[in-house]
Amino acid sequence: MTAMADSSLEMERIPLTDLSDDEVGEDEPEVEPKGDSQVNGVMVLALLDKIIGAVDQIQQTQNGLERRQQEMEGAVTGIQSELTKLSKSHNTTSNTVNKMLEKVRKVSINVKTVRQNLEKQAGQIKRLESNEAELLKRRNFKVMIYQDEVKVSSKVSVSKSLKELERVP
């Protein structure tokens, strides 16, 4: 088909409307049927030329579309790799956050336990202080000494020690 295209390019194109009946027959012998066949041949060649031009344009468009598709495939591959990296990063971050949340829960439980212990101790201290205040009001208290899990009690009289302190000065 390209051989025909080359031969059609070499021919001089003359629009059929510009040719008169006299001009059509000048280069050819006076045979009428041959003149019509030449006009028909020229028309066929012109149509073939147009078809070849259209096919070339379609091929160029197709080549451009193929290049574009290859570029798009490359872009999609790049996006997929970036999404894979993002997914891995997200999983790593998620695991780290989960570990941190677990540690925070443990710390929270420990803080609650320590707070409860401190509240218990504060209650015990308040009771001890109130007992101490009551004993000091009475001026008579006992001291309990714990030694090897055995209670040894001793009784101290505040009133005797206060009287002795008054005599010393």
N, C-alpha and C. Protein backbone atom coordinates (compact mmCIF):
# COMPACT_ATOMS: atom_id res chain seq x y z
N MET A 1 0.82 -1.18 0.00
CA MET A 1 0.00 0.00 0.00
C MET A 1 0.87 1.25 0.00
N THR A 2 2.06 1.17 0.58
CA THR A 2 2.93 2.33 0.59
C THR A 2 3.49 2.63 -0.79
N ALA A 3 3.64 1.62 -1.61
CA ALA A 3 4.13 1.84 -2.96
C ALA A 3 3.11 2.66 -3.74
N MET A 4 1.86 2.38 -3.49
CA MET A 4 0.83 3.15 -4.17
C MET A 4 0.80 4.57 -3.63
N ALA A 5 1.04 4.70 -2.36
CA ALA A 5 1.03 6.03 -1.76
C ALA A 5 2.16 6.87 -2.35
N ASP A 6 3.34 6.25 -2.55
CA ASP A 6 4.46 6.98 -3.12
C ASP A 6 4.16 7.41 -4.54
N SER A 7 3.55 6.54 -5.33
CA SER A 7 3.24 6.90 -6.71
C SER A 7 2.17 7.98 -6.76
N SER A 8 1.27 7.98 -5.80
CA SER A 8 0.22 8.99 -5.79
C SER A 8 0.78 10.34 -5.37
N LEU A 9 1.85 10.33 -4.59
CA LEU A 9 2.45 11.58 -4.18
C LEU A 9 3.16 12.26 -5.35
N GLU A 10 3.67 11.46 -6.27
CA GLU A 10 4.39 12.01 -7.40
C GLU A 10 3.44 12.60 -8.45
N MET A 11 2.24 12.16 -8.44
CA MET A 11 1.28 12.66 -9.43
C MET A 11 0.86 14.07 -9.06
N GLU A 12 0.59 14.81 -10.06
CA GLU A 12 0.13 16.16 -9.86
C GLU A 12 -1.38 16.13 -9.69
N ARG A 13 -1.83 16.76 -8.62
CA ARG A 13 -3.26 16.74 -8.36
C ARG A 13 -3.91 17.96 -9.00
N ILE A 14 -4.92 17.67 -9.74
CA ILE A 14 -5.68 18.73 -10.38
C ILE A 14 -7.13 18.49 -10.01
N PRO A 15 -7.78 19.47 -9.38
CA PRO A 15 -9.19 19.26 -9.05
C PRO A 15 -9.98 19.05 -10.33
N LEU A 16 -10.94 18.15 -10.23
CA LEU A 16 -11.71 17.78 -11.40
C LEU A 16 -12.59 18.93 -11.89
N THR A 17 -12.95 19.83 -11.04
CA THR A 17 -13.80 20.95 -11.44
C THR A 17 -13.01 21.95 -12.29
N ASP A 18 -11.68 21.99 -12.11
CA ASP A 18 -10.86 22.92 -12.87
C ASP A 18 -10.57 22.43 -14.29
N LEU A 19 -10.71 21.17 -14.53
CA LEU A 19 -10.42 20.61 -15.85
C LEU A 19 -11.64 20.72 -16.76
N SER A 20 -11.38 21.11 -17.94
CA SER A 20 -12.48 21.11 -18.93
C SER A 20 -12.45 19.80 -19.69
N ASP A 21 -13.42 19.57 -20.46
CA ASP A 21 -13.47 18.33 -21.22
C ASP A 21 -12.32 18.25 -22.22
N ASP A 22 -11.88 19.40 -22.71
CA ASP A 22 -10.79 19.43 -23.67
C ASP A 22 -9.47 19.07 -22.99
N GLU A 23 -9.26 19.55 -21.78
CA GLU A 23 -8.00 19.31 -21.07
C GLU A 23 -7.86 17.86 -20.66
N VAL A 24 -8.95 17.22 -20.34
CA VAL A 24 -8.89 15.83 -19.90
C VAL A 24 -8.34 14.96 -21.02
N GLY A 25 -8.70 15.24 -22.20
CA GLY A 25 -8.30 14.39 -23.29
C GLY A 25 -7.04 14.82 -23.99
N GLU A 26 -6.34 15.88 -23.60
CA GLU A 26 -5.17 16.37 -24.31
C GLU A 26 -4.00 15.40 -24.28
N ASP A 27 -3.67 14.85 -23.13
CA ASP A 27 -2.50 14.00 -23.02
C ASP A 27 -2.80 12.57 -23.42
N GLU A 28 -4.03 12.27 -23.60
CA GLU A 28 -4.40 10.89 -23.85
C GLU A 28 -4.91 10.74 -25.28
N PRO A 29 -4.89 9.53 -25.71
CA PRO A 29 -5.48 9.31 -27.02
C PRO A 29 -6.98 9.58 -26.96
N GLU A 30 -7.59 9.70 -28.04
CA GLU A 30 -8.98 10.10 -28.17
C GLU A 30 -9.95 9.01 -27.80
N VAL A 31 -9.54 8.07 -27.06
CA VAL A 31 -10.44 6.98 -26.71
C VAL A 31 -11.23 7.40 -25.47
N GLU A 32 -12.52 7.44 -25.59
CA GLU A 32 -13.41 7.89 -24.51
C GLU A 32 -13.39 6.94 -23.33
N PRO A 33 -13.48 5.67 -23.51
CA PRO A 33 -13.53 4.79 -22.35
C PRO A 33 -12.26 4.88 -21.52
N LYS A 34 -11.12 5.09 -22.16
CA LYS A 34 -9.88 5.21 -21.40
C LYS A 34 -9.90 6.47 -20.57
N GLY A 35 -10.42 7.56 -21.01
CA GLY A 35 -10.49 8.82 -20.28
C GLY A 35 -11.31 8.66 -19.01
N ASP A 36 -12.42 8.00 -19.11
CA ASP A 36 -13.25 7.78 -17.92
C ASP A 36 -12.52 6.87 -16.93
N SER A 37 -11.82 5.89 -17.50
CA SER A 37 -11.10 4.98 -16.60
C SER A 37 -9.93 5.70 -15.92
N GLN A 38 -9.31 6.64 -16.64
CA GLN A 38 -8.23 7.40 -16.00
C GLN A 38 -8.78 8.32 -14.92
N VAL A 39 -9.90 8.95 -15.18
CA VAL A 39 -10.52 9.81 -14.17
C VAL A 39 -10.91 8.96 -12.96
N ASN A 40 -11.46 7.79 -13.26
CA ASN A 40 -11.82 6.89 -12.16
C ASN A 40 -10.57 6.43 -11.41
N GLY A 41 -9.50 6.17 -12.12
CA GLY A 41 -8.24 5.77 -11.49
C GLY A 41 -7.68 6.87 -10.62
N VAL A 42 -7.75 8.12 -11.13
CA VAL A 42 -7.27 9.26 -10.35
C VAL A 42 -8.11 9.42 -9.09
N MET A 43 -9.41 9.23 -9.26
CA MET A 43 -10.29 9.33 -8.08
C MET A 43 -9.98 8.23 -7.07
N VAL A 44 -9.74 7.02 -7.56
CA VAL A 44 -9.39 5.91 -6.67
C VAL A 44 -8.09 6.21 -5.96
N LEU A 45 -7.10 6.73 -6.71
CA LEU A 45 -5.82 7.08 -6.09
C LEU A 45 -5.99 8.18 -5.05
N ALA A 46 -6.82 9.16 -5.35
CA ALA A 46 -7.07 10.24 -4.39
C ALA A 46 -7.73 9.69 -3.14
N LEU A 47 -8.70 8.80 -3.34
CA LEU A 47 -9.37 8.19 -2.18
C LEU A 47 -8.39 7.33 -1.37
N LEU A 48 -7.54 6.57 -2.10
CA LEU A 48 -6.53 5.76 -1.41
C LEU A 48 -5.56 6.65 -0.64
N ASP A 49 -5.22 7.78 -1.24
CA ASP A 49 -4.32 8.74 -0.56
C ASP A 49 -4.98 9.26 0.73
N LYS A 50 -6.25 9.58 0.64
CA LYS A 50 -6.96 10.05 1.84
C LYS A 50 -7.03 8.95 2.89
N ILE A 51 -7.29 7.74 2.43
CA ILE A 51 -7.37 6.60 3.37
C ILE A 51 -6.02 6.38 4.03
N ILE A 52 -4.94 6.46 3.23
CA ILE A 52 -3.59 6.28 3.78
C ILE A 52 -3.30 7.38 4.80
N GLY A 53 -3.68 8.60 4.48
CA GLY A 53 -3.47 9.71 5.42
C GLY A 53 -4.26 9.48 6.71
N ALA A 54 -5.50 9.01 6.58
CA ALA A 54 -6.31 8.73 7.77
C ALA A 54 -5.70 7.60 8.59
N VAL A 55 -5.22 6.55 7.89
CA VAL A 55 -4.59 5.42 8.59
C VAL A 55 -3.33 5.89 9.30
N ASP A 56 -2.52 6.72 8.64
CA ASP A 56 -1.31 7.26 9.28
C ASP A 56 -1.68 8.08 10.52
N GLN A 57 -2.71 8.89 10.38
CA GLN A 57 -3.14 9.70 11.53
C GLN A 57 -3.64 8.80 12.67
N ILE A 58 -4.35 7.75 12.33
CA ILE A 58 -4.83 6.80 13.35
C ILE A 58 -3.64 6.12 14.02
N GLN A 59 -2.64 5.73 13.21
CA GLN A 59 -1.45 5.09 13.79
C GLN A 59 -0.70 6.04 14.72
N GLN A 60 -0.58 7.30 14.31
CA GLN A 60 0.09 8.28 15.16
C GLN A 60 -0.69 8.47 16.46
N THR A 61 -2.00 8.58 16.33
CA THR A 61 -2.83 8.73 17.53
C THR A 61 -2.70 7.51 18.43
N GLN A 62 -2.71 6.32 17.81
CA GLN A 62 -2.58 5.09 18.59
C GLN A 62 -1.23 5.03 19.29
N ASN A 63 -0.15 5.43 18.59
CA ASN A 63 1.18 5.45 19.20
C ASN A 63 1.21 6.42 20.38
N GLY A 64 0.58 7.59 20.20
CA GLY A 64 0.51 8.56 21.29
C GLY A 64 -0.27 8.00 22.47
N LEU A 65 -1.37 7.32 22.18
CA LEU A 65 -2.16 6.72 23.26
C LEU A 65 -1.38 5.62 23.97
N GLU A 66 -0.60 4.84 23.22
CA GLU A 66 0.22 3.78 23.83
C GLU A 66 1.28 4.40 24.75
N ARG A 67 1.92 5.49 24.28
CA ARG A 67 2.90 6.17 25.13
C ARG A 67 2.24 6.69 26.40
N ARG A 68 1.07 7.29 26.23
CA ARG A 68 0.35 7.82 27.39
C ARG A 68 -0.02 6.71 28.37
N GLN A 69 -0.44 5.57 27.81
CA GLN A 69 -0.81 4.45 28.67
C GLN A 69 0.42 3.94 29.42
N GLN A 70 1.57 3.88 28.75
CA GLN A 70 2.79 3.44 29.42
C GLN A 70 3.17 4.41 30.54
N GLU A 71 3.02 5.71 30.26
CA GLU A 71 3.30 6.70 31.31
C GLU A 71 2.34 6.54 32.48
N MET A 72 1.07 6.29 32.15
CA MET A 72 0.07 6.10 33.21
C MET A 72 0.38 4.84 34.02
N GLU A 73 0.80 3.78 33.35
CA GLU A 73 1.17 2.55 34.05
C GLU A 73 2.34 2.79 34.98
N GLY A 74 3.31 3.57 34.51
CA GLY A 74 4.45 3.92 35.38
C GLY A 74 3.98 4.72 36.58
N ALA A 75 3.08 5.67 36.35
CA ALA A 75 2.57 6.49 37.45
C ALA A 75 1.78 5.62 38.43
N VAL A 76 0.98 4.71 37.91
CA VAL A 76 0.20 3.81 38.78
C VAL A 76 1.14 2.92 39.59
N THR A 77 2.18 2.43 38.97
CA THR A 77 3.16 1.60 39.69
C THR A 77 3.81 2.41 40.80
N GLY A 78 4.17 3.65 40.50
CA GLY A 78 4.76 4.52 41.53
C GLY A 78 3.78 4.76 42.67
N ILE A 79 2.54 5.01 42.33
CA ILE A 79 1.51 5.25 43.36
C ILE A 79 1.32 3.99 44.20
N GLN A 80 1.30 2.83 43.56
CA GLN A 80 1.15 1.57 44.30
C GLN A 80 2.31 1.37 45.26
N SER A 81 3.53 1.67 44.81
CA SER A 81 4.68 1.49 45.71
C SER A 81 4.60 2.48 46.88
N GLU A 82 4.17 3.71 46.60
CA GLU A 82 4.02 4.70 47.68
C GLU A 82 2.93 4.27 48.66
N LEU A 83 1.83 3.71 48.13
CA LEU A 83 0.76 3.22 49.00
C LEU A 83 1.25 2.06 49.86
N THR A 84 2.07 1.20 49.29
CA THR A 84 2.63 0.08 50.05
C THR A 84 3.50 0.61 51.19
N LYS A 85 4.34 1.59 50.88
CA LYS A 85 5.18 2.20 51.92
C LYS A 85 4.32 2.85 52.99
N LEU A 86 3.29 3.57 52.56
CA LEU A 86 2.40 4.23 53.50
C LEU A 86 1.69 3.21 54.38
N SER A 87 1.27 2.11 53.79
CA SER A 87 0.59 1.05 54.55
C SER A 87 1.53 0.45 55.60
N LYS A 88 2.78 0.19 55.20
CA LYS A 88 3.75 -0.35 56.15
C LYS A 88 4.01 0.65 57.27
N SER A 89 4.15 1.90 56.91
CA SER A 89 4.37 2.95 57.91
C SER A 89 3.17 3.04 58.85
N HIS A 90 1.98 2.95 58.28
CA HIS A 90 0.76 3.00 59.10
C HIS A 90 0.72 1.82 60.07
N ASN A 91 1.07 0.62 59.59
CA ASN A 91 1.08 -0.55 60.46
C ASN A 91 2.09 -0.38 61.59
N THR A 92 3.27 0.13 61.26
CA THR A 92 4.30 0.35 62.27
C THR A 92 3.81 1.36 63.31
N THR A 93 3.23 2.45 62.82
CA THR A 93 2.70 3.48 63.73
C THR A 93 1.59 2.91 64.60
N SER A 94 0.72 2.12 63.99
CA SER A 94 -0.39 1.52 64.72
C SER A 94 0.14 0.60 65.83
N ASN A 95 1.13 -0.20 65.50
CA ASN A 95 1.71 -1.10 66.51
C ASN A 95 2.35 -0.29 67.64
N THR A 96 3.07 0.76 67.29
CA THR A 96 3.71 1.60 68.30
C THR A 96 2.66 2.26 69.20
N VAL A 97 1.60 2.76 68.59
CA VAL A 97 0.53 3.40 69.37
C VAL A 97 -0.13 2.38 70.29
N ASN A 98 -0.37 1.17 69.79
CA ASN A 98 -0.97 0.14 70.63
C ASN A 98 -0.07 -0.21 71.82
N LYS A 99 1.24 -0.30 71.57
CA LYS A 99 2.16 -0.58 72.67
C LYS A 99 2.15 0.55 73.69
N MET A 100 2.15 1.80 73.19
CA MET A 100 2.12 2.94 74.10
C MET A 100 0.83 2.97 74.90
N LEU A 101 -0.30 2.67 74.26
CA LEU A 101 -1.58 2.64 74.97
C LEU A 101 -1.58 1.56 76.05
N GLU A 102 -0.99 0.42 75.75
CA GLU A 102 -0.90 -0.66 76.75
C GLU A 102 -0.05 -0.21 77.94
N LYS A 103 1.06 0.47 77.66
CA LYS A 103 1.90 0.98 78.75
C LYS A 103 1.15 2.03 79.55
N VAL A 104 0.39 2.89 78.87
CA VAL A 104 -0.39 3.92 79.56
C VAL A 104 -1.44 3.26 80.47
N ARG A 105 -2.07 2.18 79.97
CA ARG A 105 -3.05 1.45 80.80
C ARG A 105 -2.39 0.88 82.05
N LYS A 106 -1.20 0.29 81.86
CA LYS A 106 -0.49 -0.27 83.01
C LYS A 106 -0.13 0.82 84.01
N VAL A 107 0.38 1.95 83.51
CA VAL A 107 0.74 3.07 84.38
C VAL A 107 -0.52 3.58 85.09
N SER A 108 -1.62 3.65 84.37
CA SER A 108 -2.87 4.13 84.96
C SER A 108 -3.31 3.21 86.10
N ILE A 109 -3.20 1.91 85.87
CA ILE A 109 -3.56 0.94 86.92
C ILE A 109 -2.63 1.12 88.12
N ASN A 110 -1.33 1.30 87.86
CA ASN A 110 -0.38 1.51 88.95
C ASN A 110 -0.68 2.80 89.70
N VAL A 111 -1.02 3.85 88.97
CA VAL A 111 -1.34 5.12 89.61
C VAL A 111 -2.58 4.97 90.48
N LYS A 112 -3.58 4.25 89.99
CA LYS A 112 -4.79 4.03 90.78
C LYS A 112 -4.47 3.25 92.05
N THR A 113 -3.63 2.24 91.92
CA THR A 113 -3.24 1.43 93.08
C THR A 113 -2.50 2.29 94.09
N VAL A 114 -1.54 3.08 93.61
CA VAL A 114 -0.77 3.96 94.50
C VAL A 114 -1.71 4.97 95.16
N ARG A 115 -2.64 5.53 94.41
CA ARG A 115 -3.60 6.50 94.96
C ARG A 115 -4.45 5.86 96.06
N GLN A 116 -4.91 4.63 95.81
CA GLN A 116 -5.70 3.93 96.83
C GLN A 116 -4.86 3.70 98.08
N ASN A 117 -3.60 3.28 97.88
CA ASN A 117 -2.72 3.06 99.03
C ASN A 117 -2.49 4.36 99.80
N LEU A 118 -2.27 5.44 99.06
CA LEU A 118 -2.07 6.74 99.73
C LEU A 118 -3.32 7.18 100.49
N GLU A 119 -4.49 6.94 99.89
CA GLU A 119 -5.73 7.29 100.59
C GLU A 119 -5.90 6.47 101.86
N LYS A 120 -5.57 5.18 101.78
CA LYS A 120 -5.63 4.33 102.97
C LYS A 120 -4.65 4.84 104.04
N GLN A 121 -3.43 5.15 103.61
CA GLN A 121 -2.44 5.66 104.55
C GLN A 121 -2.87 7.00 105.13
N ALA A 122 -3.48 7.85 104.31
CA ALA A 122 -3.96 9.14 104.82
C ALA A 122 -5.03 8.91 105.87
N GLY A 123 -5.92 7.97 105.63
CA GLY A 123 -6.94 7.63 106.64
C GLY A 123 -6.31 7.11 107.91
N GLN A 124 -5.32 6.24 107.78
CA GLN A 124 -4.63 5.69 108.96
C GLN A 124 -3.91 6.80 109.72
N ILE A 125 -3.28 7.71 108.98
CA ILE A 125 -2.56 8.82 109.62
C ILE A 125 -3.54 9.70 110.38
N LYS A 126 -4.70 9.98 109.78
CA LYS A 126 -5.71 10.79 110.47
C LYS A 126 -6.18 10.10 111.75
N ARG A 127 -6.40 8.80 111.66
CA ARG A 127 -6.81 8.07 112.87
C ARG A 127 -5.71 8.10 113.93
N LEU A 128 -4.46 7.90 113.49
CA LEU A 128 -3.36 7.94 114.45
C LEU A 128 -3.24 9.33 115.09
N GLU A 129 -3.38 10.36 114.27
CA GLU A 129 -3.30 11.72 114.81
C GLU A 129 -4.43 12.00 115.80
N SER A 130 -5.62 11.52 115.46
CA SER A 130 -6.73 11.73 116.40
C SER A 130 -6.52 10.94 117.68
N ASN A 131 -6.01 9.72 117.55
CA ASN A 131 -5.70 8.90 118.75
C ASN A 131 -4.61 9.58 119.57
N GLU A 132 -3.59 10.08 118.89
CA GLU A 132 -2.49 10.76 119.59
C GLU A 132 -3.02 11.99 120.33
N ALA A 133 -3.85 12.75 119.66
CA ALA A 133 -4.43 13.94 120.30
C ALA A 133 -5.27 13.54 121.51
N GLU A 134 -6.02 12.47 121.39
CA GLU A 134 -6.85 11.99 122.51
C GLU A 134 -5.97 11.55 123.67
N LEU A 135 -4.90 10.84 123.35
CA LEU A 135 -4.00 10.37 124.41
C LEU A 135 -3.28 11.54 125.08
N LEU A 136 -2.87 12.53 124.28
CA LEU A 136 -2.21 13.69 124.87
C LEU A 136 -3.17 14.48 125.76
N LYS A 137 -4.43 14.48 125.43
CA LYS A 137 -5.41 15.15 126.27
C LYS A 137 -5.51 14.43 127.61
N ARG A 138 -5.43 13.12 127.56
CA ARG A 138 -5.54 12.32 128.80
C ARG A 138 -4.23 12.33 129.58
N ARG A 139 -3.15 12.61 128.94
CA ARG A 139 -1.80 12.60 129.50
C ARG A 139 -1.42 11.22 130.01
N ASN A 140 -1.96 10.25 129.38
CA ASN A 140 -1.67 8.89 129.78
C ASN A 140 -1.74 8.05 128.49
N PHE A 141 -0.65 7.45 128.07
CA PHE A 141 -0.68 6.64 126.86
C PHE A 141 0.28 5.49 127.00
N LYS A 142 0.07 4.52 126.17
CA LYS A 142 0.92 3.33 126.15
C LYS A 142 1.76 3.37 124.88
N VAL A 143 2.97 2.89 124.95
CA VAL A 143 3.83 2.78 123.78
C VAL A 143 3.92 1.31 123.45
N MET A 144 3.59 1.00 122.23
CA MET A 144 3.65 -0.40 121.79
C MET A 144 4.92 -0.56 120.97
N ILE A 145 5.74 -1.48 121.34
CA ILE A 145 6.98 -1.74 120.63
C ILE A 145 6.85 -3.11 119.97
N TYR A 146 7.10 -3.14 118.70
CA TYR A 146 7.05 -4.39 117.96
C TYR A 146 8.46 -4.89 117.76
N GLN A 147 8.65 -6.11 118.17
CA GLN A 147 9.99 -6.68 118.02
C GLN A 147 9.82 -8.13 117.62
N ASP A 148 10.29 -8.45 116.44
CA ASP A 148 10.21 -9.80 115.88
C ASP A 148 8.79 -10.39 116.00
N GLU A 149 7.84 -9.63 115.56
CA GLU A 149 6.46 -10.07 115.53
C GLU A 149 5.89 -10.38 116.92
N VAL A 150 6.56 -9.94 117.95
CA VAL A 150 6.05 -10.14 119.31
C VAL A 150 5.79 -8.77 119.91
N LYS A 151 4.60 -8.57 120.44
CA LYS A 151 4.26 -7.29 121.02
C LYS A 151 4.81 -7.20 122.44
N VAL A 152 5.52 -6.13 122.69
CA VAL A 152 6.02 -5.85 124.04
C VAL A 152 5.40 -4.52 124.43
N SER A 153 4.62 -4.53 125.46
CA SER A 153 3.96 -3.28 125.83
C SER A 153 4.63 -2.68 127.06
N SER A 154 4.61 -1.40 127.07
CA SER A 154 5.13 -0.69 128.24
C SER A 154 4.21 0.48 128.49
N LYS A 155 4.08 0.83 129.74
CA LYS A 155 3.18 1.91 130.09
C LYS A 155 4.01 3.09 130.57
N VAL A 156 3.73 4.23 129.99
CA VAL A 156 4.45 5.44 130.36
C VAL A 156 3.43 6.42 130.89
N SER A 157 3.76 7.00 131.96
CA SER A 157 2.86 7.98 132.54
C SER A 157 3.40 9.36 132.24
N VAL A 158 2.61 10.14 131.53
CA VAL A 158 3.02 11.47 131.15
C VAL A 158 3.02 12.37 132.36
N SER A 159 2.15 12.15 133.24
CA SER A 159 2.05 13.05 134.39
C SER A 159 3.30 12.99 135.26
N LYS A 160 3.90 11.81 135.45
CA LYS A 160 5.12 11.70 136.24
C LYS A 160 6.27 12.42 135.56
N SER A 161 6.41 12.21 134.24
CA SER A 161 7.52 12.84 133.55
C SER A 161 7.36 14.35 133.51
N LEU A 162 6.17 14.86 133.44
CA LEU A 162 5.94 16.31 133.43
C LEU A 162 6.30 16.90 134.80
N LYS A 163 5.99 16.19 135.88
CA LYS A 163 6.32 16.68 137.21
C LYS A 163 7.82 16.72 137.42
N GLU A 164 8.53 15.74 136.88
CA GLU A 164 9.97 15.72 137.00
C GLU A 164 10.59 16.84 136.20
N LEU A 165 10.05 17.16 135.05
CA LEU A 165 10.57 18.23 134.22
C LEU A 165 10.36 19.58 134.89
N GLU A 166 9.29 19.70 135.66
CA GLU A 166 9.02 20.96 136.33
C GLU A 166 10.03 21.20 137.45
N ARG A 167 10.57 20.15 138.07
CA ARG A 167 11.51 20.28 139.16
C ARG A 167 12.90 20.61 138.68
N VAL A 168 13.27 20.20 137.50
CA VAL A 168 14.63 20.35 136.99
C VAL A 168 15.01 21.81 136.84
N PRO A 169 14.32 22.73 136.40
CA PRO A 169 14.81 24.08 136.18
C PRO A 169 15.04 24.84 137.43
